[in-house]
Protein backbone atom coordinates (compact mmCIF):
# COMPACT_ATOMS: atom_id res chain seq x y z
CA UNK A 1 -3.61 27.25 15.28
CA UNK A 2 -0.24 29.12 15.49
CA UNK A 3 0.75 31.36 12.53
CA UNK A 4 3.61 29.16 11.53
CA UNK A 5 1.16 26.27 11.11
CA UNK A 6 -1.06 28.08 8.60
CA UNK A 7 0.55 26.11 5.74
CA UNK A 8 -1.60 23.05 6.72
CA UNK A 9 -4.59 25.19 5.51
CA UNK A 10 -3.15 25.68 2.02
CA UNK A 11 -4.45 22.58 0.39
CA UNK A 12 -6.90 21.94 -2.50
CA UNK A 13 -9.67 21.03 -0.18
CA UNK A 14 -9.18 24.21 2.06
CA UNK A 15 -8.64 24.59 5.66
CA UNK A 16 -10.19 22.15 8.09
CA UNK A 17 -10.38 23.20 11.71
CA UNK A 18 -9.20 21.00 14.49
CA UNK A 19 -12.74 20.51 15.70
CA UNK A 20 -13.73 19.36 12.13
CA UNK A 21 -10.82 17.05 11.99
CA UNK A 22 -11.78 15.38 15.21
CA UNK A 23 -15.44 14.93 14.05
CA UNK A 24 -14.09 13.58 10.73
CA UNK A 25 -11.99 11.11 12.41
CA UNK A 26 -14.85 10.09 14.88
CA UNK A 27 -14.56 6.78 16.39
CA UNK A 28 -11.22 5.97 14.68
CA UNK A 29 -9.40 7.78 17.26
CA UNK A 30 -7.76 5.55 19.87
CA UNK A 31 -7.62 6.24 23.46
CA UNK A 32 -4.07 5.19 23.79
CA UNK A 33 -4.37 3.92 27.37
CA UNK A 34 -5.42 0.58 28.92
CA UNK A 35 -9.08 -0.03 29.20
CA UNK A 36 -8.90 -1.66 32.69
CA UNK A 37 -8.37 0.48 35.65
CA UNK A 38 -5.04 -0.17 37.13
CA UNK A 39 -3.83 -2.03 34.14
CA UNK A 40 -0.39 -1.05 32.48
CA UNK A 41 -0.90 1.58 29.81
CA UNK A 42 -1.13 0.71 26.22
CA UNK A 43 0.96 2.82 24.02
CA UNK A 44 0.05 3.17 20.31
CA UNK A 45 2.79 3.38 17.84
CA UNK A 46 1.89 4.54 14.44
CA UNK A 47 4.21 2.85 11.94
CA UNK A 48 5.01 3.09 8.46
CA UNK A 49 4.58 -0.28 6.36
CA UNK A 50 7.56 -2.48 6.59
CA UNK A 51 8.25 -6.22 6.70
CA UNK A 52 6.95 -6.66 10.15
CA UNK A 53 10.07 -5.33 11.99
CA UNK A 54 8.40 -2.50 13.90
CA UNK A 55 5.62 -4.80 15.13
CA UNK A 56 8.34 -7.23 16.32
CA UNK A 57 10.30 -4.62 18.18
CA UNK A 58 6.98 -3.34 19.86
CA UNK A 59 6.56 -6.88 21.11
CA UNK A 60 10.28 -7.23 22.32
CA UNK A 61 10.15 -3.81 24.13
CA UNK A 62 6.74 -4.51 25.60
CA UNK A 63 8.15 -7.80 27.05
CA UNK A 64 11.21 -5.97 28.26
CA UNK A 65 9.34 -3.37 30.15
CA UNK A 66 8.30 -6.08 32.75
CA UNK A 67 4.71 -4.97 32.66
CA UNK A 68 5.28 -1.25 32.70
CA UNK A 69 3.55 -0.69 29.26
CA UNK A 70 2.37 -2.63 26.09
CA UNK A 71 3.05 -1.23 22.70
CA UNK A 72 0.35 -1.78 19.98
CA UNK A 73 1.14 -0.76 16.42
CA UNK A 74 -1.29 1.05 14.10
CA UNK A 75 -0.41 0.88 10.32
CA UNK A 76 -0.13 4.23 8.38
CA UNK A 77 -0.89 4.35 4.63
CA UNK A 78 1.69 3.15 2.09
CA UNK A 79 2.80 6.46 0.57
CA UNK A 80 4.51 9.28 2.40
CA UNK A 81 2.11 12.03 1.46
CA UNK A 82 -0.84 9.97 2.98
CA UNK A 83 1.30 9.19 5.98
CA UNK A 84 2.01 12.91 6.61
CA UNK A 85 -1.73 13.87 6.02
CA UNK A 86 -3.07 11.29 8.69
CA UNK A 87 -0.53 12.29 11.23
CA UNK A 88 -0.96 15.94 10.70
CA UNK A 89 -4.78 15.72 11.08
CA UNK A 90 -4.52 13.62 14.18
CA UNK A 91 -2.03 15.91 15.71
CA UNK A 92 -3.99 18.94 14.94
CA UNK A 93 -7.10 17.28 16.62
CA UNK A 94 -5.15 16.65 19.77
CA UNK A 95 -5.48 12.85 19.50
CA UNK A 96 -4.38 11.33 22.67
CA UNK A 97 -3.31 8.08 21.01
CA UNK A 98 -0.23 9.80 19.44
CA UNK A 99 2.01 8.04 21.85
CA UNK A 100 4.83 7.05 19.31
CA UNK A 101 5.05 8.03 15.67
CA UNK A 102 7.33 6.82 12.98
CA UNK A 103 8.03 10.29 11.16
CA UNK A 104 9.74 10.90 7.79
CA UNK A 105 12.49 13.42 8.53
CA UNK A 106 11.23 16.16 6.10
CA UNK A 107 7.93 16.35 8.06
CA UNK A 108 9.53 16.81 11.50
CA UNK A 109 9.71 20.67 11.45
CA UNK A 110 6.09 20.71 10.31
CA UNK A 111 4.94 18.83 13.35
CA UNK A 112 7.41 20.52 15.78
CA UNK A 113 6.95 24.28 14.87
CA UNK A 114 3.20 24.34 16.09
CA UNK A 115 4.19 22.34 19.24
CA UNK A 116 2.60 19.11 18.27
CA UNK A 117 5.54 17.14 19.51
CA UNK A 118 6.24 16.47 23.00
CA UNK A 119 9.68 17.70 23.95
CA UNK A 120 12.44 15.20 24.14
CA UNK A 121 13.71 15.07 27.66
CA UNK A 122 17.18 16.17 27.82
CA UNK A 123 18.56 12.90 29.32
CA UNK A 124 16.63 10.88 26.62
CA UNK A 125 18.07 13.13 23.90
CA UNK A 126 21.64 12.61 25.26
CA UNK A 127 21.34 8.83 25.38
CA UNK A 128 19.46 8.36 22.11
CA UNK A 129 21.86 10.65 20.03
CA UNK A 130 25.09 9.34 21.29
CA UNK A 131 26.83 7.75 18.31
CA UNK A 132 24.23 8.76 15.83
CA UNK A 133 25.57 9.42 12.36
CA UNK A 134 25.79 13.13 11.42
CA UNK A 135 23.18 13.13 8.58
CA UNK A 136 20.71 11.13 10.62
CA UNK A 137 20.98 13.53 13.60
CA UNK A 138 20.46 16.62 11.39
CA UNK A 139 17.16 15.04 10.08
CA UNK A 140 15.90 14.82 13.83
CA UNK A 141 16.46 18.47 14.65
CA UNK A 142 14.49 21.59 14.33
CA UNK A 143 15.98 24.99 15.28
CA UNK A 144 19.18 23.24 16.40
CA UNK A 145 17.08 21.28 19.05
CA UNK A 146 16.56 17.47 18.97
CA UNK A 147 12.68 17.14 18.48
CA UNK A 148 12.55 13.50 17.55
CA UNK A 149 14.70 10.43 18.19
CA UNK A 150 16.52 8.88 15.10
CA UNK A 151 15.56 5.38 14.56
CA UNK A 152 16.73 4.19 11.13
CA UNK A 153 18.46 6.17 8.53
CA UNK A 154 18.15 5.71 4.80
CA UNK A 155 20.49 6.99 2.05
CA UNK A 156 21.04 6.49 -1.67
CA UNK A 157 24.46 4.92 -2.97
CA UNK A 158 25.81 4.64 -6.25
CA UNK A 159 25.30 1.06 -7.65
CA UNK A 160 27.08 0.04 -10.77
CA UNK A 161 27.77 -2.84 -13.06
CA UNK A 162 31.47 -3.78 -12.74
CA UNK A 163 31.62 -4.99 -16.40
CA UNK A 164 30.28 -1.57 -17.70
CA UNK A 165 32.61 0.56 -15.58
CA UNK A 166 35.69 -1.60 -16.52
CA UNK A 167 34.62 -1.42 -20.25
CA UNK A 168 34.39 2.33 -20.02
CA UNK A 169 37.71 2.55 -18.20
CA UNK A 170 36.25 4.21 -15.16
CA UNK A 171 38.18 3.59 -11.85
CA UNK A 172 35.48 3.00 -9.15
CA UNK A 173 37.92 2.69 -6.56
CA UNK A 174 38.05 6.48 -6.34
CA UNK A 175 35.07 8.87 -5.90
CA UNK A 176 33.32 9.52 -9.27
CA UNK A 177 31.26 12.49 -10.56
CA UNK A 178 27.99 12.80 -12.43
CA UNK A 179 29.96 13.77 -15.50
CA UNK A 180 32.07 10.72 -15.41
CA UNK A 181 29.24 8.28 -15.01
CA UNK A 182 27.30 10.13 -17.69
CA UNK A 183 30.09 9.81 -20.22
CA UNK A 184 30.78 6.07 -19.21
CA UNK A 185 27.10 5.19 -19.86
CA UNK A 186 27.13 7.05 -23.14
CA UNK A 187 30.33 5.48 -24.33
CA UNK A 188 28.76 1.95 -23.57
CA UNK A 189 25.24 2.76 -24.78
CA UNK A 190 23.69 1.91 -21.49
CA UNK A 191 21.00 3.59 -19.21
CA UNK A 192 21.55 5.40 -15.94
CA UNK A 193 19.14 4.56 -13.23
CA UNK A 194 17.66 7.69 -11.70
CA UNK A 195 14.09 8.41 -10.46
CA UNK A 196 12.50 10.89 -12.83
CA UNK A 197 8.74 10.50 -11.99
CA UNK A 198 6.69 13.43 -10.71
CA UNK A 199 6.92 12.30 -7.05
CA UNK A 200 8.89 12.89 -3.76
CA UNK A 201 11.86 11.04 -5.35
CA UNK A 202 12.40 13.96 -7.79
CA UNK A 203 12.71 16.32 -4.78
CA UNK A 204 15.27 13.84 -3.23
CA UNK A 205 17.29 13.94 -6.30
CA UNK A 206 17.27 17.61 -6.97
CA UNK A 207 18.14 18.29 -3.24
CA UNK A 208 21.10 15.96 -3.33
CA UNK A 209 22.50 17.48 -6.56
CA UNK A 210 22.07 21.09 -5.27
CA UNK A 211 23.68 20.21 -1.85
CA UNK A 212 26.48 18.23 -3.60
CA UNK A 213 27.10 21.39 -5.62
CA UNK A 214 27.55 23.36 -2.51
CA UNK A 215 24.14 25.02 -2.39
CA UNK A 216 21.02 24.83 -0.46
CA UNK A 217 17.32 24.80 -1.57
CA UNK A 218 16.15 26.74 1.43
CA UNK A 219 18.64 29.43 2.82
CA UNK A 220 16.59 30.54 5.98
CA UNK A 221 14.58 27.49 6.84
CA UNK A 222 13.06 28.80 10.07
CA UNK A 223 11.77 31.95 8.43
CA UNK A 224 7.92 32.60 7.92
CA UNK A 225 6.39 31.76 4.49
CA UNK A 226 6.48 35.32 3.28
CA UNK A 227 10.25 35.63 4.19
CA UNK A 228 11.79 32.33 3.02
CA UNK A 229 14.66 32.76 0.76
CA UNK A 230 15.25 29.89 -1.83
CA UNK A 231 18.67 28.99 -3.36
CA UNK A 232 17.34 27.20 -6.54
CA UNK A 233 18.28 30.08 -8.82
CA UNK A 234 21.92 29.86 -8.12
CA UNK A 235 25.07 28.36 -9.62
CA UNK A 236 24.36 25.05 -7.69
CA UNK A 237 20.66 24.93 -8.96
CA UNK A 238 22.03 25.37 -12.43
CA UNK A 239 24.57 22.54 -12.07
CA UNK A 240 21.73 20.30 -10.63
CA UNK A 241 19.45 21.17 -13.58
CA UNK A 242 22.31 20.29 -16.10
CA UNK A 243 22.55 16.78 -14.80
CA UNK A 244 18.74 16.18 -14.77
CA UNK A 245 18.43 17.85 -18.25
CA UNK A 246 21.40 15.92 -19.81
CA UNK A 247 20.03 12.70 -18.61
CA UNK A 248 16.61 13.42 -19.67
CA UNK A 249 17.27 14.99 -23.06
CA UNK A 250 19.83 12.42 -24.26
CA UNK A 251 17.73 9.50 -23.27
CA UNK A 252 20.30 8.31 -20.72
CA UNK A 253 17.54 7.49 -18.11
CA UNK A 254 15.80 5.10 -20.50
CA UNK A 255 12.51 5.23 -22.14
CA UNK A 256 10.53 5.07 -18.86
CA UNK A 257 12.39 7.97 -17.17
CA UNK A 258 9.33 10.39 -16.75
CA UNK A 259 7.54 7.62 -14.68
CA UNK A 260 10.60 5.94 -13.20
CA UNK A 261 10.57 5.24 -9.51
CA UNK A 262 13.02 3.47 -7.17
CA UNK A 263 11.63 0.08 -8.09
CA UNK A 264 11.35 0.48 -11.82
CA UNK A 265 15.04 1.98 -12.03
CA UNK A 266 16.23 -1.14 -10.08
CA UNK A 267 14.57 -3.40 -12.57
CA UNK A 268 16.13 -1.38 -15.50
CA UNK A 269 19.60 -1.59 -13.75
CA UNK A 270 19.24 -5.38 -13.30
CA UNK A 271 18.87 -5.75 -17.06
CA UNK A 272 21.06 -5.69 -20.00
CA UNK A 273 21.09 -2.07 -20.38
CA UNK A 274 21.90 -1.19 -16.78
CA UNK A 275 25.13 0.52 -15.84
CA UNK A 276 24.95 2.91 -12.93
CA UNK A 277 22.12 3.79 -10.55
CA UNK A 278 21.49 5.83 -7.49
CA UNK A 279 19.14 4.08 -5.20
CA UNK A 280 18.56 2.86 -1.63
CA UNK A 281 19.98 -0.24 0.08
CA UNK A 282 16.83 -2.33 -0.60
CA UNK A 283 18.18 -2.99 -4.06
CA UNK A 284 20.52 -5.66 -2.56
CA UNK A 285 18.20 -8.04 -0.80
CA UNK A 286 15.52 -7.45 -3.66
CA UNK A 287 18.15 -8.54 -6.33
CA UNK A 288 19.37 -11.45 -4.25
CA UNK A 289 15.79 -12.63 -3.87
CA UNK A 290 15.18 -12.47 -7.70
CA UNK A 291 18.33 -14.41 -8.32
CA UNK A 292 17.30 -17.13 -5.80
CA UNK A 293 14.02 -17.38 -7.51
CA UNK A 294 15.63 -17.90 -10.83
CA UNK A 295 14.21 -14.56 -12.24
CA UNK A 296 17.74 -13.04 -12.82
CA UNK A 297 21.02 -14.82 -13.52
CA UNK A 298 23.46 -15.73 -10.74
CA UNK A 299 26.30 -13.93 -12.48
CA UNK A 300 24.44 -10.53 -11.83
CA UNK A 301 25.33 -10.48 -8.07
CA UNK A 302 29.11 -10.72 -8.78
CA UNK A 303 28.82 -7.90 -11.45
CA UNK A 304 27.23 -5.50 -8.90
CA UNK A 305 29.46 -2.93 -7.15
CA UNK A 306 28.68 0.03 -5.02
CA UNK A 307 30.19 3.36 -3.86
CA UNK A 308 29.19 6.78 -2.55
CA UNK A 309 26.67 8.80 -4.24
CA UNK A 310 28.25 10.80 -7.18
CA UNK A 311 29.91 14.01 -6.49
CA UNK A 312 29.08 17.12 -8.68
CA UNK A 313 32.68 18.43 -8.79
CA UNK A 314 35.80 16.42 -8.80
CA UNK A 315 37.73 16.57 -5.52
CA UNK A 316 34.62 17.78 -3.54
CA UNK A 317 32.55 15.82 -1.09
CA UNK A 318 29.21 14.55 -2.15
CA UNK A 319 25.93 15.26 -0.26
CA UNK A 320 23.84 11.88 -0.49
CA UNK A 321 20.08 11.94 0.24
CA UNK A 322 18.84 11.34 3.69
CA UNK A 323 15.68 9.27 4.53
CA UNK A 324 14.65 6.91 7.16
CA UNK A 325 12.44 7.27 10.19
CA UNK A 326 12.62 9.30 13.34
CA UNK A 327 10.35 8.58 16.36
CA UNK A 328 8.19 11.30 17.83
CA UNK A 329 5.70 11.63 20.60
CA UNK A 330 2.55 13.63 20.23
CA UNK A 331 2.16 16.50 22.77
CA UNK A 332 -1.38 15.22 23.61
CA UNK A 333 -0.15 11.77 24.58
CA UNK A 334 -1.30 10.84 28.07
CA UNK A 335 1.96 8.75 28.52
CA UNK A 336 4.86 10.80 27.22
CA UNK A 337 7.37 9.52 29.77
CA UNK A 338 6.64 5.89 29.08
CA UNK A 339 6.61 6.67 25.35
CA UNK A 340 10.11 7.93 25.60
CA UNK A 341 11.11 4.96 27.70
CA UNK A 342 9.72 2.80 24.93
CA UNK A 343 11.46 4.64 22.25
CA UNK A 344 14.87 4.20 24.08
CA UNK A 345 14.23 0.56 23.87
CA UNK A 346 13.20 0.63 20.19
CA UNK A 347 16.28 2.57 19.08
CA UNK A 348 18.94 0.66 21.04
CA UNK A 349 21.97 -0.11 18.68
CA UNK A 350 21.16 -3.87 19.08
CA UNK A 351 17.49 -3.29 18.07
CA UNK A 352 18.69 -1.06 15.03
CA UNK A 353 21.07 -3.83 13.89
CA UNK A 354 18.28 -6.39 14.15
CA UNK A 355 15.92 -4.24 12.12
CA UNK A 356 18.60 -3.79 9.49
CA UNK A 357 19.18 -7.47 9.12
CA UNK A 358 15.56 -8.53 9.06
CA UNK A 359 13.94 -5.45 7.20
CA UNK A 360 16.78 -3.91 5.31
CA UNK A 361 16.60 -0.49 6.85
CA UNK A 362 20.03 0.86 7.77
CA UNK A 363 20.77 1.92 11.41
CA UNK A 364 21.21 5.74 12.46
CA UNK A 365 23.64 4.71 15.13
CA UNK A 366 27.17 4.07 14.13
CA UNK A 367 27.67 1.29 16.92
CA UNK A 368 24.91 -0.91 15.08
CA UNK A 369 27.25 -1.29 12.24
CA UNK A 370 29.79 -3.10 14.25
CA UNK A 371 27.30 -5.85 15.08
CA UNK A 372 28.70 -9.23 13.91
CA UNK A 373 26.92 -10.56 10.87
CA UNK A 374 25.89 -7.22 9.46
CA UNK A 375 28.34 -7.24 6.68
CA UNK A 376 27.54 -10.79 5.64
CA UNK A 377 23.96 -9.72 4.97
CA UNK A 378 24.84 -6.31 3.74
CA UNK A 379 28.37 -6.12 2.38
CA UNK A 380 27.92 -2.51 1.45
CA UNK A 381 27.16 -1.59 5.18
CA UNK A 382 30.49 0.39 5.47
CA UNK A 383 29.47 2.53 2.27
CA UNK A 384 25.93 3.18 3.74
CA UNK A 385 27.46 4.18 7.05
CA UNK A 386 29.87 6.59 5.31
CA UNK A 387 27.00 7.95 3.07
CA UNK A 388 24.91 8.68 6.22
CA UNK A 389 27.69 10.62 7.66
CA UNK A 390 27.86 12.88 4.63
CA UNK A 391 24.00 12.81 3.95
CA UNK A 392 22.08 16.17 3.86
CA UNK A 393 18.41 16.20 4.78
CA UNK A 394 15.79 17.66 2.33
CA UNK A 395 14.90 21.38 3.34
CA UNK A 396 14.03 21.35 7.06
CA UNK A 397 11.12 23.81 7.11
CA UNK A 398 7.45 23.78 8.17
CA UNK A 399 6.67 24.43 4.51
CA UNK A 400 8.43 21.41 3.11
CA UNK A 401 5.17 20.17 1.49
CA UNK A 402 4.83 23.32 -0.69
CA UNK A 403 8.53 23.26 -1.63
CA UNK A 404 8.56 19.63 -2.48
CA UNK A 405 5.52 19.73 -4.52
CA UNK A 406 6.69 22.87 -6.32
CA UNK A 407 9.96 21.13 -7.23
CA UNK A 408 8.09 18.16 -8.48
CA UNK A 409 5.90 20.29 -10.78
CA UNK A 410 8.71 22.34 -12.16
CA UNK A 411 11.54 19.83 -12.67
CA UNK A 412 9.66 17.07 -14.48
CA UNK A 413 9.68 15.56 -16.97
CA UNK A 414 13.47 15.61 -16.86
CA UNK A 415 13.69 16.21 -20.67
CA UNK A 416 12.01 19.61 -20.27
CA UNK A 417 14.48 20.73 -17.68
CA UNK A 418 16.62 23.72 -18.80
CA UNK A 419 19.66 24.70 -16.81
CA UNK A 420 19.17 28.38 -17.98
CA UNK A 421 15.46 28.68 -17.00
CA UNK A 422 14.22 25.96 -14.86
CA UNK A 423 15.92 26.99 -11.55
CA UNK A 424 14.71 30.40 -11.73
CA UNK A 425 11.12 29.43 -12.82
CA UNK A 426 11.02 26.86 -9.96
CA UNK A 427 12.17 29.47 -7.43
CA UNK A 428 9.70 32.01 -8.53
CA UNK A 429 6.88 29.54 -8.64
CA UNK A 430 7.40 28.25 -5.11
CA UNK A 431 7.92 31.60 -3.65
CA UNK A 432 4.50 32.71 -4.98
CA UNK A 433 2.91 29.63 -3.70
CA UNK A 434 4.34 30.31 -0.24
CA UNK A 435 3.09 33.89 -0.32
CA UNK A 436 -0.32 32.64 -1.31
CA UNK A 437 -0.10 34.33 -4.73
CA UNK A 438 -0.45 30.82 -6.54
CA UNK A 439 -1.88 27.48 -5.86
CA UNK A 440 0.03 24.14 -6.26
């Protein structure tokens, strides 16, 4: 395994060789090609769980290929960490069924650096990135090259209760800052919806705060583990810690903040104590569904507004979180050309718009937002599009897992975060982990 891939061996269970991995997977590995001689190849698409949208696109694109290929989907585990682990093991084992993979943007460099992704042909890269929003495109690159194809792109926006903002005298027609929403929530004795659990969501929050303050968690992302320079112990890191600490220590995140996830913060926001919340677009269809079921009052929908993720400093741009899915092709795939042909079909603006309307996952391509009917289903679509233009990926580095886990361990619970010490402690701990001096 290349030197830059050695971080995969730094797990609690120790390193596992590619041969060992292949034996462990055994018969579960798929061949990725048709069983009948002369038959059109079957491409395997490893998908993250959704509401059936990827399987539908697989069928549509198979039909549109006029017999050139058939796409079969294989479902990955529910949580991002398990998805990453399964894909990493299969790629390291040279699994030939890795024709198409739905990849979380932070994990793209980890797969690209050791050469586990088939190169994106220049003409494919040109066609599939035309019109892609800036933040989404950044999450598909490694070392300034497109190494995966942007499919859908997620981002957090600021949801707010119009009645609370009005009572607090906060003008939501203009960009707002974290200080402003903190003061508004305090004045109305309400809770702010954030994700304070020891999970990936904490890294998402910290990264967005640091980036919005003009900083960066990793200053030289393509450096080796021994040479990576972190930017947590900085003015931007201290500003980020001030926000997390204030919300935690003053109880503004609600009593469940230490275990609060995207779903639980949404439920809190929907209740009587809700005021402001940073969260993903799924909030809208989920809230509407609860209203239709009678679980929430009809008046709630009219009381919900949305705007860009809060800025750290007045008059400065915000840097919202970037999520979503990119599509990659394994370097051991037996059909890379057909796989990229299929990917071009999957990520067409028309299919991205369809996926948005049916599954609630926003397009990465700006053209998809012009599709008639999009704003009827998602009236906040223009805000989502603007957010994706400003969005900043989480650290793009092959050592993302170590960095993310280190942040989760040192920035939780929020009430224990100290602006004077947490950024430095966190930076020192992660640096020692990367150098092999400490274990996660």
